[in-house]
Structure formats: structure tokens, C-alpha cells
Full PDB file with SEQRES, HELIX, SHEET, SSBOND, CRYST1, ORIGX, SCALE, CONECT and MASTER records, all heavy atoms in Angstrom:
SEQRES   1 A   36  CYS ARG TYR ASN GLU VAL ASN LYS LYS ALA ILE LEU ASP          
SEQRES   2 A   36  SER ARG LEU ILE PRO THR ALA VAL LEU ASP ALA ALA ILE          
SEQRES   3 A   36  GLU LEU CYS THR ALA LYS PRO LYS ILE PHE                      
HELIX    1 AA1 GLU A    5  GLU A   27  1                                  23    
CRYST1    1.000    1.000    1.000  90.00  90.00  90.00 P 1           1          
ORIGX1      1.000000  0.000000  0.000000        0.00000                         
ORIGX2      0.000000  1.000000  0.000000        0.00000                         
ORIGX3      0.000000  0.000000  1.000000        0.00000                         
SCALE1      1.000000  0.000000  0.000000        0.00000                         
SCALE2      0.000000  1.000000  0.000000        0.00000                         
SCALE3      0.000000  0.000000  1.000000        0.00000                         
ATOM      1  N   CYS A   1      -7.634   4.547 -16.859  1.00  0.00           N  
ATOM      2  CA  CYS A   1      -8.043   3.320 -17.545  1.00  0.00           C  
ATOM      3  C   CYS A   1      -9.307   2.786 -16.877  1.00  0.00           C  
ATOM      4  O   CYS A   1      -9.700   3.251 -15.816  1.00  0.00           O  
ATOM      5  CB  CYS A   1      -6.930   2.265 -17.494  1.00  0.00           C  
ATOM      6  SG  CYS A   1      -6.495   1.759 -15.824  1.00  0.00           S  
ATOM      7  N   ARG A   2      -9.913   1.812 -17.497  1.00  0.00           N  
ATOM      8  CA  ARG A   2     -11.065   1.133 -16.892  1.00  0.00           C  
ATOM      9  C   ARG A   2     -10.582   0.321 -15.702  1.00  0.00           C  
ATOM     10  O   ARG A   2      -9.544  -0.315 -15.753  1.00  0.00           O  
ATOM     11  CB  ARG A   2     -11.738   0.203 -17.899  1.00  0.00           C  
ATOM     12  CG  ARG A   2     -12.364   0.918 -19.060  1.00  0.00           C  
ATOM     13  CD  ARG A   2     -13.692   1.463 -18.645  1.00  0.00           C  
ATOM     14  NE  ARG A   2     -14.290   2.148 -19.780  1.00  0.00           N  
ATOM     15  CZ  ARG A   2     -15.270   3.005 -19.660  1.00  0.00           C  
ATOM     16  NH1 ARG A   2     -15.765   3.275 -18.480  1.00  0.00           N  
ATOM     17  NH2 ARG A   2     -15.774   3.593 -20.710  1.00  0.00           N  
ATOM     18  N   TYR A   3     -11.340   0.338 -14.635  1.00  0.00           N  
ATOM     19  CA  TYR A   3     -10.948  -0.395 -13.436  1.00  0.00           C  
ATOM     20  C   TYR A   3     -11.487  -1.816 -13.453  1.00  0.00           C  
ATOM     21  O   TYR A   3     -12.253  -2.216 -12.593  1.00  0.00           O  
ATOM     22  CB  TYR A   3     -11.397   0.347 -12.177  1.00  0.00           C  
ATOM     23  CG  TYR A   3     -10.597   1.599 -11.918  1.00  0.00           C  
ATOM     24  CD1 TYR A   3     -11.152   2.666 -11.255  1.00  0.00           C  
ATOM     25  CD2 TYR A   3      -9.281   1.715 -12.342  1.00  0.00           C  
ATOM     26  CE1 TYR A   3     -10.417   3.821 -11.024  1.00  0.00           C  
ATOM     27  CE2 TYR A   3      -8.547   2.848 -12.113  1.00  0.00           C  
ATOM     28  CZ  TYR A   3      -9.116   3.903 -11.448  1.00  0.00           C  
ATOM     29  OH  TYR A   3      -8.385   5.029 -11.217  1.00  0.00           O  
ATOM     30  N   ASN A   4     -11.036  -2.583 -14.436  1.00  0.00           N  
ATOM     31  CA  ASN A   4     -11.362  -4.005 -14.441  1.00  0.00           C  
ATOM     32  C   ASN A   4     -10.296  -4.730 -13.619  1.00  0.00           C  
ATOM     33  O   ASN A   4      -9.327  -4.125 -13.156  1.00  0.00           O  
ATOM     34  CB  ASN A   4     -11.465  -4.536 -15.876  1.00  0.00           C  
ATOM     35  CG  ASN A   4     -10.187  -4.318 -16.667  1.00  0.00           C  
ATOM     36  OD1 ASN A   4      -9.087  -4.502 -16.161  1.00  0.00           O  
ATOM     37  ND2 ASN A   4     -10.335  -3.919 -17.919  1.00  0.00           N  
ATOM     38  N   GLU A   5     -10.467  -6.010 -13.419  1.00  0.00           N  
ATOM     39  CA  GLU A   5      -9.554  -6.754 -12.544  1.00  0.00           C  
ATOM     40  C   GLU A   5      -8.118  -6.753 -13.063  1.00  0.00           C  
ATOM     41  O   GLU A   5      -7.169  -6.648 -12.278  1.00  0.00           O  
ATOM     42  CB  GLU A   5     -10.065  -8.185 -12.333  1.00  0.00           C  
ATOM     43  CG  GLU A   5     -11.356  -8.255 -11.538  1.00  0.00           C  
ATOM     44  CD  GLU A   5     -11.301  -7.485 -10.217  1.00  0.00           C  
ATOM     45  OE1 GLU A   5     -10.334  -7.671  -9.445  1.00  0.00           O  
ATOM     46  OE2 GLU A   5     -12.229  -6.688  -9.953  1.00  0.00           O  
ATOM     47  N   VAL A   6      -7.944  -6.865 -14.371  1.00  0.00           N  
ATOM     48  CA  VAL A   6      -6.596  -6.872 -14.944  1.00  0.00           C  
ATOM     49  C   VAL A   6      -5.902  -5.536 -14.699  1.00  0.00           C  
ATOM     50  O   VAL A   6      -4.751  -5.485 -14.248  1.00  0.00           O  
ATOM     51  CB  VAL A   6      -6.654  -7.192 -16.459  1.00  0.00           C  
ATOM     52  CG1 VAL A   6      -5.293  -6.981 -17.114  1.00  0.00           C  
ATOM     53  CG2 VAL A   6      -7.140  -8.617 -16.686  1.00  0.00           C  
ATOM     54  N   ASN A   7      -6.602  -4.431 -14.964  1.00  0.00           N  
ATOM     55  CA  ASN A   7      -6.004  -3.112 -14.768  1.00  0.00           C  
ATOM     56  C   ASN A   7      -5.764  -2.807 -13.295  1.00  0.00           C  
ATOM     57  O   ASN A   7      -4.739  -2.205 -12.947  1.00  0.00           O  
ATOM     58  CB  ASN A   7      -6.859  -2.023 -15.404  1.00  0.00           C  
ATOM     59  CG  ASN A   7      -6.711  -1.984 -16.905  1.00  0.00           C  
ATOM     60  OD1 ASN A   7      -5.723  -2.446 -17.459  1.00  0.00           O  
ATOM     61  ND2 ASN A   7      -7.709  -1.449 -17.575  1.00  0.00           N  
ATOM     62  N   LYS A   8      -6.676  -3.193 -12.418  1.00  0.00           N  
ATOM     63  CA  LYS A   8      -6.473  -2.952 -10.991  1.00  0.00           C  
ATOM     64  C   LYS A   8      -5.233  -3.683 -10.492  1.00  0.00           C  
ATOM     65  O   LYS A   8      -4.441  -3.137  -9.724  1.00  0.00           O  
ATOM     66  CB  LYS A   8      -7.708  -3.361 -10.185  1.00  0.00           C  
ATOM     67  CG  LYS A   8      -8.878  -2.401 -10.365  1.00  0.00           C  
ATOM     68  CD  LYS A   8      -9.993  -2.646  -9.371  1.00  0.00           C  
ATOM     69  CE  LYS A   8     -10.782  -3.882  -9.681  1.00  0.00           C  
ATOM     70  NZ  LYS A   8     -11.977  -4.034  -8.823  1.00  0.00           N  
ATOM     71  N   LYS A   9      -5.045  -4.916 -10.934  1.00  0.00           N  
ATOM     72  CA  LYS A   9      -3.850  -5.672 -10.542  1.00  0.00           C  
ATOM     73  C   LYS A   9      -2.597  -5.003 -11.092  1.00  0.00           C  
ATOM     74  O   LYS A   9      -1.586  -4.867 -10.376  1.00  0.00           O  
ATOM     75  CB  LYS A   9      -3.945  -7.115 -11.030  1.00  0.00           C  
ATOM     76  CG  LYS A   9      -2.731  -7.953 -10.633  1.00  0.00           C  
ATOM     77  CD  LYS A   9      -2.913  -9.405 -10.979  1.00  0.00           C  
ATOM     78  CE  LYS A   9      -1.736 -10.293 -10.687  1.00  0.00           C  
ATOM     79  NZ  LYS A   9      -0.681  -9.851  -9.853  1.00  0.00           N  
ATOM     80  N   ALA A  10      -2.644  -4.557 -12.342  1.00  0.00           N  
ATOM     81  CA  ALA A  10      -1.485  -3.903 -12.953  1.00  0.00           C  
ATOM     82  C   ALA A  10      -1.152  -2.593 -12.234  1.00  0.00           C  
ATOM     83  O   ALA A  10       0.029  -2.280 -12.030  1.00  0.00           O  
ATOM     84  CB  ALA A  10      -1.740  -3.656 -14.436  1.00  0.00           C  
ATOM     85  N   ILE A  11      -2.171  -1.838 -11.844  1.00  0.00           N  
ATOM     86  CA  ILE A  11      -1.954  -0.589 -11.111  1.00  0.00           C  
ATOM     87  C   ILE A  11      -1.248  -0.874  -9.783  1.00  0.00           C  
ATOM     88  O   ILE A  11      -0.260  -0.222  -9.440  1.00  0.00           O  
ATOM     89  CB  ILE A  11      -3.285   0.165 -10.892  1.00  0.00           C  
ATOM     90  CG1 ILE A  11      -3.777   0.744 -12.227  1.00  0.00           C  
ATOM     91  CG2 ILE A  11      -3.137   1.259  -9.843  1.00  0.00           C  
ATOM     92  CD1 ILE A  11      -5.210   1.250 -12.192  1.00  0.00           C  
ATOM     93  N   LEU A  12      -1.736  -1.850  -9.055  1.00  0.00           N  
ATOM     94  CA  LEU A  12      -1.110  -2.200  -7.767  1.00  0.00           C  
ATOM     95  C   LEU A  12       0.293  -2.760  -7.961  1.00  0.00           C  
ATOM     96  O   LEU A  12       1.246  -2.310  -7.311  1.00  0.00           O  
ATOM     97  CB  LEU A  12      -1.972  -3.214  -7.024  1.00  0.00           C  
ATOM     98  CG  LEU A  12      -3.156  -2.652  -6.268  1.00  0.00           C  
ATOM     99  CD1 LEU A  12      -4.005  -3.781  -5.700  1.00  0.00           C  
ATOM    100  CD2 LEU A  12      -2.703  -1.716  -5.167  1.00  0.00           C  
ATOM    101  N   ASP A  13       0.436  -3.738  -8.838  1.00  0.00           N  
ATOM    102  CA  ASP A  13       1.741  -4.366  -9.047  1.00  0.00           C  
ATOM    103  C   ASP A  13       2.789  -3.359  -9.517  1.00  0.00           C  
ATOM    104  O   ASP A  13       3.959  -3.436  -9.119  1.00  0.00           O  
ATOM    105  CB  ASP A  13       1.650  -5.504 -10.062  1.00  0.00           C  
ATOM    106  CG  ASP A  13       0.957  -6.739  -9.517  1.00  0.00           C  
ATOM    107  OD1 ASP A  13       0.679  -6.793  -8.295  1.00  0.00           O  
ATOM    108  OD2 ASP A  13       0.677  -7.651 -10.327  1.00  0.00           O  
ATOM    109  N   SER A  14       2.387  -2.413 -10.357  1.00  0.00           N  
ATOM    110  CA  SER A  14       3.336  -1.446 -10.900  1.00  0.00           C  
ATOM    111  C   SER A  14       3.818  -0.450  -9.853  1.00  0.00           C  
ATOM    112  O   SER A  14       4.768   0.297 -10.098  1.00  0.00           O  
ATOM    113  CB  SER A  14       2.714  -0.696 -12.085  1.00  0.00           C  
ATOM    114  OG  SER A  14       1.667   0.155 -11.644  1.00  0.00           O  
ATOM    115  N   ARG A  15       3.174  -0.435  -8.702  1.00  0.00           N  
ATOM    116  CA  ARG A  15       3.616   0.396  -7.594  1.00  0.00           C  
ATOM    117  C   ARG A  15       4.342  -0.442  -6.529  1.00  0.00           C  
ATOM    118  O   ARG A  15       5.387  -0.062  -6.025  1.00  0.00           O  
ATOM    119  CB  ARG A  15       2.424   1.118  -6.966  1.00  0.00           C  
ATOM    120  CG  ARG A  15       1.921   2.258  -7.854  1.00  0.00           C  
ATOM    121  CD  ARG A  15       0.453   2.590  -7.578  1.00  0.00           C  
ATOM    122  NE  ARG A  15       0.012   3.767  -8.320  1.00  0.00           N  
ATOM    123  CZ  ARG A  15      -0.204   3.813  -9.624  1.00  0.00           C  
ATOM    124  NH1 ARG A  15      -0.024   2.734 -10.363  1.00  0.00           N  
ATOM    125  NH2 ARG A  15      -0.604   4.918 -10.212  1.00  0.00           N  
ATOM    126  N   LEU A  16       3.761  -1.583  -6.202  1.00  0.00           N  
ATOM    127  CA  LEU A  16       4.309  -2.400  -5.121  1.00  0.00           C  
ATOM    128  C   LEU A  16       5.624  -3.078  -5.482  1.00  0.00           C  
ATOM    129  O   LEU A  16       6.559  -3.099  -4.678  1.00  0.00           O  
ATOM    130  CB  LEU A  16       3.282  -3.450  -4.701  1.00  0.00           C  
ATOM    131  CG  LEU A  16       1.969  -2.906  -4.129  1.00  0.00           C  
ATOM    132  CD1 LEU A  16       0.995  -4.043  -3.873  1.00  0.00           C  
ATOM    133  CD2 LEU A  16       2.225  -2.110  -2.864  1.00  0.00           C  
ATOM    134  N   ILE A  17       5.712  -3.647  -6.676  1.00  0.00           N  
ATOM    135  CA  ILE A  17       6.912  -4.400  -7.048  1.00  0.00           C  
ATOM    136  C   ILE A  17       8.145  -3.497  -7.160  1.00  0.00           C  
ATOM    137  O   ILE A  17       9.181  -3.795  -6.541  1.00  0.00           O  
ATOM    138  CB  ILE A  17       6.676  -5.242  -8.321  1.00  0.00           C  
ATOM    139  CG1 ILE A  17       5.628  -6.324  -8.018  1.00  0.00           C  
ATOM    140  CG2 ILE A  17       7.978  -5.858  -8.826  1.00  0.00           C  
ATOM    141  CD1 ILE A  17       5.102  -7.055  -9.238  1.00  0.00           C  
ATOM    142  N   PRO A  18       8.083  -2.372  -7.884  1.00  0.00           N  
ATOM    143  CA  PRO A  18       9.275  -1.502  -7.920  1.00  0.00           C  
ATOM    144  C   PRO A  18       9.676  -0.973  -6.540  1.00  0.00           C  
ATOM    145  O   PRO A  18      10.859  -0.846  -6.242  1.00  0.00           O  
ATOM    146  CB  PRO A  18       8.862  -0.355  -8.846  1.00  0.00           C  
ATOM    147  CG  PRO A  18       7.789  -0.928  -9.697  1.00  0.00           C  
ATOM    148  CD  PRO A  18       7.047  -1.884  -8.805  1.00  0.00           C  
ATOM    149  N   THR A  19       8.699  -0.697  -5.698  1.00  0.00           N  
ATOM    150  CA  THR A  19       9.009  -0.233  -4.349  1.00  0.00           C  
ATOM    151  C   THR A  19       9.776  -1.296  -3.577  1.00  0.00           C  
ATOM    152  O   THR A  19      10.773  -1.003  -2.911  1.00  0.00           O  
ATOM    153  CB  THR A  19       7.720   0.158  -3.594  1.00  0.00           C  
ATOM    154  OG1 THR A  19       7.056   1.195  -4.321  1.00  0.00           O  
ATOM    155  CG2 THR A  19       8.018   0.634  -2.186  1.00  0.00           C  
ATOM    156  N   ALA A  20       9.333  -2.536  -3.670  1.00  0.00           N  
ATOM    157  CA  ALA A  20      10.008  -3.635  -2.978  1.00  0.00           C  
ATOM    158  C   ALA A  20      11.422  -3.841  -3.524  1.00  0.00           C  
ATOM    159  O   ALA A  20      12.362  -4.089  -2.755  1.00  0.00           O  
ATOM    160  CB  ALA A  20       9.191  -4.917  -3.103  1.00  0.00           C  
ATOM    161  N   VAL A  21      11.590  -3.735  -4.837  1.00  0.00           N  
ATOM    162  CA  VAL A  21      12.914  -3.917  -5.441  1.00  0.00           C  
ATOM    163  C   VAL A  21      13.857  -2.797  -5.003  1.00  0.00           C  
ATOM    164  O   VAL A  21      15.012  -3.049  -4.639  1.00  0.00           O  
ATOM    165  CB  VAL A  21      12.811  -3.983  -6.986  1.00  0.00           C  
ATOM    166  CG1 VAL A  21      14.178  -3.919  -7.645  1.00  0.00           C  
ATOM    167  CG2 VAL A  21      12.079  -5.241  -7.410  1.00  0.00           C  
ATOM    168  N   LEU A  22      13.372  -1.568  -5.017  1.00  0.00           N  
ATOM    169  CA  LEU A  22      14.204  -0.447  -4.570  1.00  0.00           C  
ATOM    170  C   LEU A  22      14.583  -0.601  -3.098  1.00  0.00           C  
ATOM    171  O   LEU A  22      15.731  -0.380  -2.713  1.00  0.00           O  
ATOM    172  CB  LEU A  22      13.485   0.884  -4.795  1.00  0.00           C  
ATOM    173  CG  LEU A  22      13.387   1.341  -6.241  1.00  0.00           C  
ATOM    174  CD1 LEU A  22      12.413   2.506  -6.364  1.00  0.00           C  
ATOM    175  CD2 LEU A  22      14.755   1.737  -6.782  1.00  0.00           C  
ATOM    176  N   ASP A  23      13.616  -0.984  -2.275  1.00  0.00           N  
ATOM    177  CA  ASP A  23      13.876  -1.177  -0.849  1.00  0.00           C  
ATOM    178  C   ASP A  23      14.947  -2.246  -0.638  1.00  0.00           C  
ATOM    179  O   ASP A  23      15.884  -2.059   0.154  1.00  0.00           O  
ATOM    180  CB  ASP A  23      12.583  -1.548  -0.130  1.00  0.00           C  
ATOM    181  CG  ASP A  23      12.784  -1.681   1.361  1.00  0.00           C  
ATOM    182  OD1 ASP A  23      13.220  -0.701   1.997  1.00  0.00           O  
ATOM    183  OD2 ASP A  23      12.514  -2.773   1.897  1.00  0.00           O  
ATOM    184  N   ALA A  24      14.843  -3.356  -1.350  1.00  0.00           N  
ATOM    185  CA  ALA A  24      15.825  -4.437  -1.219  1.00  0.00           C  
ATOM    186  C   ALA A  24      17.209  -3.976  -1.686  1.00  0.00           C  
ATOM    187  O   ALA A  24      18.224  -4.315  -1.064  1.00  0.00           O  
ATOM    188  CB  ALA A  24      15.371  -5.664  -2.013  1.00  0.00           C  
ATOM    189  N   ALA A  25      17.255  -3.199  -2.756  1.00  0.00           N  
ATOM    190  CA  ALA A  25      18.535  -2.697  -3.269  1.00  0.00           C  
ATOM    191  C   ALA A  25      19.161  -1.714  -2.276  1.00  0.00           C  
ATOM    192  O   ALA A  25      20.378  -1.735  -2.059  1.00  0.00           O  
ATOM    193  CB  ALA A  25      18.340  -2.039  -4.631  1.00  0.00           C  
ATOM    194  N   ILE A  26      18.341  -0.878  -1.665  1.00  0.00           N  
ATOM    195  CA  ILE A  26      18.845   0.067  -0.657  1.00  0.00           C  
ATOM    196  C   ILE A  26      19.442  -0.681   0.524  1.00  0.00           C  
ATOM    197  O   ILE A  26      20.485  -0.311   1.051  1.00  0.00           O  
ATOM    198  CB  ILE A  26      17.712   1.019  -0.198  1.00  0.00           C  
ATOM    199  CG1 ILE A  26      17.357   1.993  -1.321  1.00  0.00           C  
ATOM    200  CG2 ILE A  26      18.119   1.772   1.070  1.00  0.00           C  
ATOM    201  CD1 ILE A  26      16.074   2.781  -1.074  1.00  0.00           C  
ATOM    202  N   GLU A  27      18.783  -1.752   0.933  1.00  0.00           N  
ATOM    203  CA  GLU A  27      19.275  -2.537   2.072  1.00  0.00           C  
ATOM    204  C   GLU A  27      20.664  -3.104   1.824  1.00  0.00           C  
ATOM    205  O   GLU A  27      21.419  -3.334   2.760  1.00  0.00           O  
ATOM    206  CB  GLU A  27      18.299  -3.666   2.411  1.00  0.00           C  
ATOM    207  CG  GLU A  27      17.069  -3.186   3.143  1.00  0.00           C  
ATOM    208  CD  GLU A  27      17.397  -2.444   4.435  1.00  0.00           C  
ATOM    209  OE1 GLU A  27      18.214  -2.962   5.244  1.00  0.00           O  
ATOM    210  OE2 GLU A  27      16.868  -1.343   4.640  1.00  0.00           O  
ATOM    211  N   LEU A  28      21.027  -3.326   0.567  1.00  0.00           N  
ATOM    212  CA  LEU A  28      22.339  -3.869   0.226  1.00  0.00           C  
ATOM    213  C   LEU A  28      23.428  -2.804   0.135  1.00  0.00           C  
ATOM    214  O   LEU A  28      24.611  -3.136   0.032  1.00  0.00           O  
ATOM    215  CB  LEU A  28      22.260  -4.637  -1.097  1.00  0.00           C  
ATOM    216  CG  LEU A  28      21.364  -5.874  -1.091  1.00  0.00           C  
ATOM    217  CD1 LEU A  28      21.270  -6.466  -2.495  1.00  0.00           C  
ATOM    218  CD2 LEU A  28      21.863  -6.902  -0.089  1.00  0.00           C  
ATOM    219  N   CYS A  29      23.046  -1.544   0.162  1.00  0.00           N  
ATOM    220  CA  CYS A  29      24.019  -0.452   0.060  1.00  0.00           C  
ATOM    221  C   CYS A  29      24.861  -0.331   1.328  1.00  0.00           C  
ATOM    222  O   CYS A  29      24.347  -0.474   2.443  1.00  0.00           O  
ATOM    223  CB  CYS A  29      23.311   0.879  -0.176  1.00  0.00           C  
ATOM    224  SG  CYS A  29      22.564   1.056  -1.797  1.00  0.00           S  
ATOM    225  N   THR A  30      26.124  -0.016   1.144  1.00  0.00           N  
ATOM    226  CA  THR A  30      27.000   0.298   2.267  1.00  0.00           C  
ATOM    227  C   THR A  30      26.718   1.725   2.741  1.00  0.00           C  
ATOM    228  O   THR A  30      26.560   1.972   3.926  1.00  0.00           O  
ATOM    229  CB  THR A  30      28.479   0.160   1.846  1.00  0.00           C  
ATOM    230  OG1 THR A  30      28.684  -1.172   1.374  1.00  0.00           O  
ATOM    231  CG2 THR A  30      29.400   0.446   2.998  1.00  0.00           C  
ATOM    232  N   ALA A  31      26.654   2.653   1.790  1.00  0.00           N  
ATOM    233  CA  ALA A  31      26.309   4.054   2.079  1.00  0.00           C  
ATOM    234  C   ALA A  31      24.882   4.265   1.562  1.00  0.00           C  
ATOM    235  O   ALA A  31      24.659   4.656   0.418  1.00  0.00           O  
ATOM    236  CB  ALA A  31      27.281   4.996   1.390  1.00  0.00           C  
ATOM    237  N   LYS A  32      23.924   3.968   2.421  1.00  0.00           N  
ATOM    238  CA  LYS A  32      22.508   4.015   2.031  1.00  0.00           C  
ATOM    239  C   LYS A  32      22.070   5.435   1.680  1.00  0.00           C  
ATOM    240  O   LYS A  32      22.551   6.400   2.291  1.00  0.00           O  
ATOM    241  CB  LYS A  32      21.637   3.474   3.150  1.00  0.00           C  
ATOM    242  CG  LYS A  32      21.817   1.982   3.392  1.00  0.00           C  
ATOM    243  CD  LYS A  32      20.922   1.495   4.497  1.00  0.00           C  
ATOM    244  CE  LYS A  32      21.033   0.022   4.790  1.00  0.00           C  
ATOM    245  NZ  LYS A  32      22.154  -0.722   4.360  1.00  0.00           N  
ATOM    246  N   PRO A  33      21.181   5.579   0.710  1.00  0.00           N  
ATOM    247  CA  PRO A  33      20.620   6.905   0.422  1.00  0.00           C  
ATOM    248  C   PRO A  33      19.983   7.497   1.679  1.00  0.00           C  
ATOM    249  O   PRO A  33      19.430   6.774   2.505  1.00  0.00           O  
ATOM    250  CB  PRO A  33      19.562   6.606  -0.644  1.00  0.00           C  
ATOM    251  CG  PRO A  33      20.009   5.329  -1.269  1.00  0.00           C  
ATOM    252  CD  PRO A  33      20.652   4.545  -0.172  1.00  0.00           C  
ATOM    253  N   LYS A  34      20.077   8.806   1.812  1.00  0.00           N  
ATOM    254  CA  LYS A  34      19.554   9.482   3.002  1.00  0.00           C  
ATOM    255  C   LYS A  34      18.025   9.490   3.025  1.00  0.00           C  
ATOM    256  O   LYS A  34      17.421   9.466   4.087  1.00  0.00           O  
ATOM    257  CB  LYS A  34      20.085  10.907   3.066  1.00  0.00           C  
ATOM    258  CG  LYS A  34      21.580  10.973   3.261  1.00  0.00           C  
ATOM    259  CD  LYS A  34      22.070  12.403   3.238  1.00  0.00           C  
ATOM    260  CE  LYS A  34      23.582  12.431   3.365  1.00  0.00           C  
ATOM    261  NZ  LYS A  34      24.116  13.781   3.211  1.00  0.00           N  
ATOM    262  N   ILE A  35      17.409   9.556   1.847  1.00  0.00           N  
ATOM    263  CA  ILE A  35      15.954   9.678   1.746  1.00  0.00           C  
ATOM    264  C   ILE A  35      15.435   8.708   0.696  1.00  0.00           C  
ATOM    265  O   ILE A  35      16.026   8.577  -0.378  1.00  0.00           O  
ATOM    266  CB  ILE A  35      15.549  11.118   1.340  1.00  0.00           C  
ATOM    267  CG1 ILE A  35      15.996  12.115   2.409  1.00  0.00           C  
ATOM    268  CG2 ILE A  35      14.050  11.223   1.083  1.00  0.00           C  
ATOM    269  CD1 ILE A  35      15.900  13.554   1.979  1.00  0.00           C  
ATOM    270  N   PHE A  36      14.330   8.056   1.012  1.00  0.00           N  
ATOM    271  CA  PHE A  36      13.609   7.228   0.032  1.00  0.00           C  
ATOM    272  C   PHE A  36      12.173   7.720   0.049  1.00  0.00           C  
ATOM    273  O   PHE A  36      11.433   7.486   0.996  1.00  0.00           O  
ATOM    274  CB  PHE A  36      13.704   5.751   0.397  1.00  0.00           C  
ATOM    275  CG  PHE A  36      12.984   4.810  -0.552  1.00  0.00           C  
ATOM    276  CD1 PHE A  36      12.703   5.162  -1.853  1.00  0.00           C  
ATOM    277  CD2 PHE A  36      12.617   3.554  -0.129  1.00  0.00           C  
ATOM    278  CE1 PHE A  36      12.050   4.286  -2.728  1.00  0.00           C  
ATOM    279  CE2 PHE A  36      11.968   2.668  -0.977  1.00  0.00           C  
ATOM    280  CZ  PHE A  36      11.688   3.034  -2.281  1.00  0.00           C  
TER     281      PHE A  36                                                      
MASTER        0    0    0    1    0    0    0    6  280    1    0    3          
END                                                                             
């Protein structure tokens, strides 16, 4: 896509936010996944 400010933010957010959510969900696990 074109690297305008809207797309650059969307590219970053679409990587950072899911990673943070997965990390937080893993932290709540009793039997944590072996690999992330």
C-alpha cells in the first residue's frame, strides 16, 4: 500500500495490538503454550 500516515499507523497497529493481546492472554494461562 502507499506509505501515508494512515497506512503506516494501520500497519504498526495491526502487528502491535494483536501481539499485546496474545501476550496478555498467554499470561493468564495455567498451562502456558511452550512457544510464542
